[in-house]
Amino acid sequence: ANVVDLAERMVTYAQASRQCRYLQRVLPVEETADVNLKKLNDMILKCVSEHLKARDDGSFPSYAMEFKARNNDSIKKSDVLEMLGDAVNTVAPAASVNLSVSLQCEQ
C-alpha cells in the first residue's frame, strides 16, 4: 500500500468527520536506512525524485524537512540538510522551501 495515499485518505476522513485530533499521530514512513551517509543520500535522492516533480504548469511543489535523530549521534542535521539541498538542486532546482509543512526524516 502507498503510505502517502493512505495518509491523505486519513486526513480527508478526519476533516470530514471533525476528528482531527487523531492526525497528530499519523506519520507516513516511506523509506528507512541504516546509519550510513551513502545509503541515506540515495534514499533522499529517491524521495526527492518521487515527490518534487514539475506540475503541469511547469512549477514545482514546495518542500520542508524536520530532522529527528533517535538512538543515533553519528549523523548531524547539517549533513542531512546538505544532502537534501544537493538532491533538490539536482532534481528540482526551482522548488522552494515551505517552513509551515514538514517532510519527516527520522533516524
Protein backbone atom coordinates (compact mmCIF):
# COMPACT_ATOMS: atom_id res chain seq x y z
CA ALA A 1 0.00 0.00 0.00
CA ASN A 2 1.13 3.54 -0.69
CA VAL A 3 1.56 5.20 2.71
CA VAL A 4 1.20 8.71 1.31
CA ASP A 5 -2.18 7.88 -0.26
CA LEU A 6 -3.26 6.23 2.99
CA ALA A 7 -2.27 9.31 5.00
CA GLU A 8 -4.12 11.60 2.56
CA ARG A 9 -7.28 9.48 2.88
CA MET A 10 -6.98 9.59 6.67
CA VAL A 11 -6.66 13.39 6.60
CA THR A 12 -9.72 13.70 4.34
CA TYR A 13 -11.75 11.41 6.59
CA ALA A 14 -10.65 13.16 9.79
CA GLN A 15 -11.53 16.58 8.36
CA ALA A 16 -14.93 15.38 7.16
CA SER A 17 -15.77 13.71 10.47
CA ARG A 18 -14.27 16.52 12.60
CA GLN A 19 -11.87 14.18 14.39
CA CYS A 20 -8.64 15.94 13.52
CA ARG A 21 -7.06 15.32 16.92
CA TYR A 22 -6.05 11.86 15.67
CA LEU A 23 -3.97 13.29 12.83
CA GLN A 24 -1.07 14.22 15.11
CA ARG A 25 -0.31 10.51 15.31
CA VAL A 26 -0.14 9.99 11.55
CA LEU A 27 3.37 9.87 10.15
CA PRO A 28 3.78 8.00 6.86
CA VAL A 29 7.22 6.39 6.64
CA GLU A 30 8.17 5.65 3.06
CA GLU A 31 11.80 4.69 3.45
CA THR A 32 14.22 3.72 6.20
CA ALA A 33 18.00 3.45 6.04
CA ASP A 34 20.95 2.29 8.07
CA VAL A 35 23.17 4.86 9.72
CA ASN A 36 25.20 5.20 6.56
CA LEU A 37 25.59 8.51 4.75
CA LYS A 38 25.73 6.91 1.28
CA LYS A 39 22.51 4.93 1.84
CA LEU A 40 20.83 7.97 3.39
CA ASN A 41 21.88 10.16 0.47
CA ASP A 42 20.49 7.61 -2.03
CA MET A 43 17.21 7.46 -0.07
CA ILE A 44 16.90 11.26 -0.01
CA LEU A 45 17.56 11.49 -3.75
CA LYS A 46 14.91 8.82 -4.42
CA CYS A 47 12.29 10.57 -2.25
CA VAL A 48 13.02 13.99 -3.79
CA SER A 49 12.76 12.49 -7.29
CA GLU A 50 9.38 10.94 -6.47
CA HIS A 51 7.79 13.92 -4.72
CA LEU A 52 9.27 17.07 -6.27
CA LYS A 53 8.09 16.59 -9.84
CA ALA A 54 7.15 19.52 -12.05
CA ARG A 55 3.43 20.26 -12.23
CA ASP A 56 1.52 20.61 -15.49
CA ASP A 57 2.15 24.37 -15.47
CA GLY A 58 5.91 23.85 -15.03
CA SER A 59 6.03 24.94 -11.39
CA PHE A 60 7.45 22.77 -8.62
CA PRO A 61 5.88 22.00 -5.24
CA SER A 62 7.41 23.44 -2.09
CA TYR A 63 9.11 21.24 0.50
CA ALA A 64 10.42 21.19 4.06
CA MET A 65 12.19 18.75 6.33
CA GLU A 66 12.01 18.02 10.03
CA PHE A 67 15.01 16.16 11.42
CA LYS A 68 14.68 13.84 14.40
CA ALA A 69 17.55 11.58 15.43
CA ARG A 70 16.62 8.61 17.57
CA ASN A 71 19.24 6.38 19.16
CA ASN A 72 21.84 7.93 16.90
CA ASP A 73 24.53 10.53 17.42
CA SER A 74 26.63 9.92 14.31
CA ILE A 75 24.51 11.76 11.72
CA LYS A 76 24.14 15.51 12.10
CA LYS A 77 21.19 17.60 10.99
CA SER A 78 23.51 19.80 8.95
CA ASP A 79 24.72 16.76 6.96
CA VAL A 80 21.16 15.70 6.16
CA LEU A 81 20.16 19.26 5.21
CA GLU A 82 23.15 19.47 2.88
CA MET A 83 22.21 16.15 1.23
CA LEU A 84 18.61 17.36 0.83
CA GLY A 85 19.78 20.64 -0.67
CA ASP A 86 22.04 18.85 -3.14
CA ALA A 87 19.23 16.46 -4.14
CA VAL A 88 16.73 19.31 -4.62
CA ASN A 89 19.24 21.35 -6.65
CA THR A 90 19.83 18.32 -8.88
CA VAL A 91 16.23 17.17 -9.34
CA ALA A 92 14.04 20.25 -8.84
CA PRO A 93 16.13 23.44 -8.67
CA ALA A 94 13.03 25.65 -8.92
CA ALA A 95 11.36 24.07 -5.85
CA SER A 96 11.04 26.34 -2.83
CA VAL A 97 11.20 25.70 0.90
CA ASN A 98 7.93 25.86 2.89
CA LEU A 99 8.54 26.07 6.63
CA SER A 100 4.87 25.62 7.56
CA VAL A 101 4.79 21.95 6.40
CA SER A 102 7.45 19.38 7.14
CA LEU A 103 8.85 16.31 5.44
CA GLN A 104 9.78 13.90 8.23
CA CYS A 105 13.28 12.46 8.30
CA GLU A 106 13.84 10.13 11.22
CA GLN A 107 16.91 8.11 12.10
